[in-house]
Amino acid sequence: MVEIEGYSLRDDLAYSDRLLWIKKESDGTVSVGFSDMAQKLMGKIMFVRLPKSGTEVVVDKDFGTAESMKWVERLKSPISGVVKESNTVLRTRPKMVNEDPYGAWLIKITPTEKLESEISKLAQGENLENFLKEQIKDKVKK
C-alpha cells in the first residue's frame, strides 16, 4: 500500500489518470473501481450509472457516471473490452464506493487482446508513489 497525505493506493492494482483502479481476476476478466483518492475527492457518492452487460467499452471513452454532492464524474474506461457485469448493488447503495473503494468494483470487463499494452500505460508497481504525489499536486494542491 502506498499512502501519502491521507490518500492510499493498493500496490497490487493498476491506476488510470482518472484515478480508477483495475484488477486482473482469475477468470480472465478485469474489475474496475474507484481508488481511495477518487472517492475522497468526490465526497459522498449519491448515484452511479453503469453500462449493461454486453456493452462495448473503449479505453479513454466514457462508460458511465458517478454523482456526488460536489460534481458528476464521467467514468472513462482504463481498458477496452466488453462489460461482463455491472455492480448492480451500487444502484441502491452507492455509498459502498466511499465505504470500501477497493471492494466496491464498478464493472467487470472481458478484455480485448490489447489488455497488456493498455495496462502497461497505467500507473502501477514502483511508479505508484510518484503517481500519487503528482495526483495530489494536480488535483488537491491547485
Protein backbone atom coordinates (compact mmCIF):
# COMPACT_ATOMS: atom_id res chain seq x y z
CA MET A 1 0.00 0.00 0.00
CA VAL A 2 1.25 3.47 -0.90
CA GLU A 3 -0.06 6.21 1.40
CA ILE A 4 0.66 9.93 1.15
CA GLU A 5 -1.21 12.76 2.90
CA GLY A 6 -4.14 10.51 3.79
CA TYR A 7 -4.62 9.10 0.29
CA SER A 8 -3.84 5.44 -0.31
CA LEU A 9 -3.33 3.26 -3.38
CA ARG A 10 -3.15 -0.50 -3.19
CA ASP A 11 0.09 -1.63 -4.77
CA ASP A 12 -1.41 -4.79 -6.30
CA LEU A 13 -3.58 -2.75 -8.69
CA ALA A 14 -3.01 -0.52 -11.72
CA TYR A 15 -4.48 3.01 -11.93
CA SER A 16 -5.69 5.31 -14.69
CA ASP A 17 -5.06 9.06 -14.66
CA ARG A 18 -8.77 9.39 -13.76
CA LEU A 19 -7.97 7.51 -10.52
CA LEU A 20 -9.81 4.31 -11.43
CA TRP A 21 -8.16 1.02 -10.44
CA ILE A 22 -8.07 -2.20 -12.42
CA LYS A 23 -7.51 -5.72 -11.22
CA LYS A 24 -7.00 -8.83 -13.33
CA GLU A 25 -9.27 -11.56 -11.98
CA SER A 26 -8.58 -15.30 -12.04
CA ASP A 27 -11.40 -15.88 -14.57
CA GLY A 28 -9.71 -13.60 -17.13
CA THR A 29 -11.97 -10.60 -16.55
CA VAL A 30 -10.77 -7.23 -15.29
CA SER A 31 -12.52 -5.41 -12.45
CA VAL A 32 -12.64 -1.60 -12.45
CA GLY A 33 -13.36 0.63 -9.46
CA PHE A 34 -12.73 3.95 -7.74
CA SER A 35 -9.46 4.49 -5.90
CA ASP A 36 -9.43 5.81 -2.35
CA MET A 37 -8.25 9.19 -3.65
CA ALA A 38 -11.05 9.40 -6.22
CA GLN A 39 -13.79 8.76 -3.69
CA LYS A 40 -12.27 11.20 -1.18
CA LEU A 41 -12.05 13.96 -3.80
CA MET A 42 -15.65 13.37 -4.92
CA GLY A 43 -17.11 13.17 -1.44
CA LYS A 44 -20.30 11.29 -0.72
CA ILE A 45 -21.33 9.31 -3.82
CA MET A 46 -25.08 9.72 -4.37
CA PHE A 47 -25.67 7.87 -7.65
CA VAL A 48 -23.76 5.63 -10.04
CA ARG A 49 -24.84 4.96 -13.65
CA LEU A 50 -23.15 1.93 -15.20
CA PRO A 51 -23.47 0.13 -18.55
CA LYS A 52 -25.38 -3.10 -19.11
CA SER A 53 -23.69 -6.45 -19.66
CA GLY A 54 -22.62 -6.81 -23.28
CA THR A 55 -21.78 -3.13 -23.73
CA GLU A 56 -18.51 -2.48 -25.53
CA VAL A 57 -16.08 -0.18 -23.71
CA VAL A 58 -13.07 1.52 -25.29
CA VAL A 59 -10.01 2.82 -23.48
CA ASP A 60 -10.37 6.52 -22.52
CA LYS A 61 -14.05 6.64 -23.58
CA ASP A 62 -16.98 7.22 -21.21
CA PHE A 63 -18.73 4.15 -19.82
CA GLY A 64 -20.85 5.71 -17.06
CA THR A 65 -21.15 8.44 -14.46
CA ALA A 66 -20.89 8.87 -10.72
CA GLU A 67 -22.67 11.73 -8.99
CA SER A 68 -21.65 13.23 -5.67
CA MET A 69 -22.62 16.30 -3.70
CA LYS A 70 -19.74 18.10 -5.47
CA TRP A 71 -19.99 17.09 -9.14
CA VAL A 72 -20.83 14.48 -11.78
CA GLU A 73 -17.80 12.44 -12.79
CA ARG A 74 -17.70 10.92 -16.26
CA LEU A 75 -16.16 7.48 -15.91
CA LYS A 76 -13.60 6.70 -18.61
CA SER A 77 -12.60 3.12 -19.25
CA PRO A 78 -8.97 2.29 -18.47
CA ILE A 79 -9.11 -0.70 -20.85
CA SER A 80 -11.05 -1.91 -23.89
CA GLY A 81 -13.42 -4.86 -23.95
CA VAL A 82 -16.99 -5.92 -23.28
CA VAL A 83 -18.78 -5.42 -19.98
CA LYS A 84 -19.37 -8.84 -18.46
CA GLU A 85 -21.07 -7.50 -15.34
CA SER A 86 -22.00 -4.22 -13.67
CA ASN A 87 -22.19 -3.93 -9.89
CA THR A 88 -25.97 -3.51 -9.60
CA VAL A 89 -25.75 -3.21 -5.80
CA LEU A 90 -24.34 0.29 -6.34
CA ARG A 91 -27.71 1.42 -7.75
CA THR A 92 -29.25 1.25 -4.28
CA ARG A 93 -26.07 1.54 -2.19
CA PRO A 94 -23.70 3.94 -4.00
CA LYS A 95 -22.10 4.84 -0.66
CA MET A 96 -20.29 1.48 -0.82
CA VAL A 97 -17.78 3.30 -3.05
CA ASN A 98 -16.96 5.59 -0.12
CA GLU A 99 -17.03 2.83 2.50
CA ASP A 100 -14.82 0.35 0.63
CA PRO A 101 -13.39 1.79 -2.61
CA TYR A 102 -11.24 -1.28 -3.29
CA GLY A 103 -14.07 -3.72 -2.60
CA ALA A 104 -16.89 -1.91 -4.40
CA TRP A 105 -15.97 -2.60 -8.02
CA LEU A 106 -17.95 -0.79 -10.73
CA ILE A 107 -17.76 -3.12 -13.73
CA LYS A 108 -16.06 -6.33 -14.80
CA ILE A 109 -14.75 -6.35 -18.35
CA THR A 110 -13.84 -9.18 -20.69
CA PRO A 111 -10.74 -7.52 -22.16
CA THR A 112 -9.52 -7.44 -25.75
CA GLU A 113 -6.16 -8.77 -26.90
CA LYS A 114 -4.79 -5.24 -26.25
CA LEU A 115 -5.00 -5.74 -22.46
CA GLU A 116 -1.28 -5.99 -21.72
CA SER A 117 -0.49 -2.98 -23.89
CA GLU A 118 -3.24 -0.93 -22.23
CA ILE A 119 -2.18 -1.96 -18.71
CA SER A 120 1.42 -1.00 -19.46
CA LYS A 121 0.25 2.62 -19.85
CA LEU A 122 -1.31 2.70 -16.36
CA ALA A 123 0.39 3.61 -13.09
CA GLN A 124 1.46 0.52 -11.15
CA GLY A 125 4.17 -1.08 -9.05
CA GLU A 126 7.18 1.08 -8.26
CA ASN A 127 5.67 4.05 -10.12
CA LEU A 128 2.77 4.42 -7.67
CA GLU A 129 4.47 6.72 -5.18
CA ASN A 130 5.39 9.29 -7.85
CA PHE A 131 1.98 8.87 -9.50
CA LEU A 132 0.20 9.60 -6.20
CA LYS A 133 2.41 12.62 -5.49
CA GLU A 134 1.60 14.02 -8.95
CA GLN A 135 -2.13 13.37 -8.49
CA ILE A 136 -2.09 15.18 -5.15
CA LYS A 137 -0.21 18.09 -6.72
CA ASP A 138 -2.59 18.29 -9.69
CA LYS A 139 -5.94 17.59 -8.03
CA VAL A 140 -5.57 18.71 -4.41
CA LYS A 141 -2.94 21.45 -4.24
CA LYS A 142 -4.02 23.69 -7.10
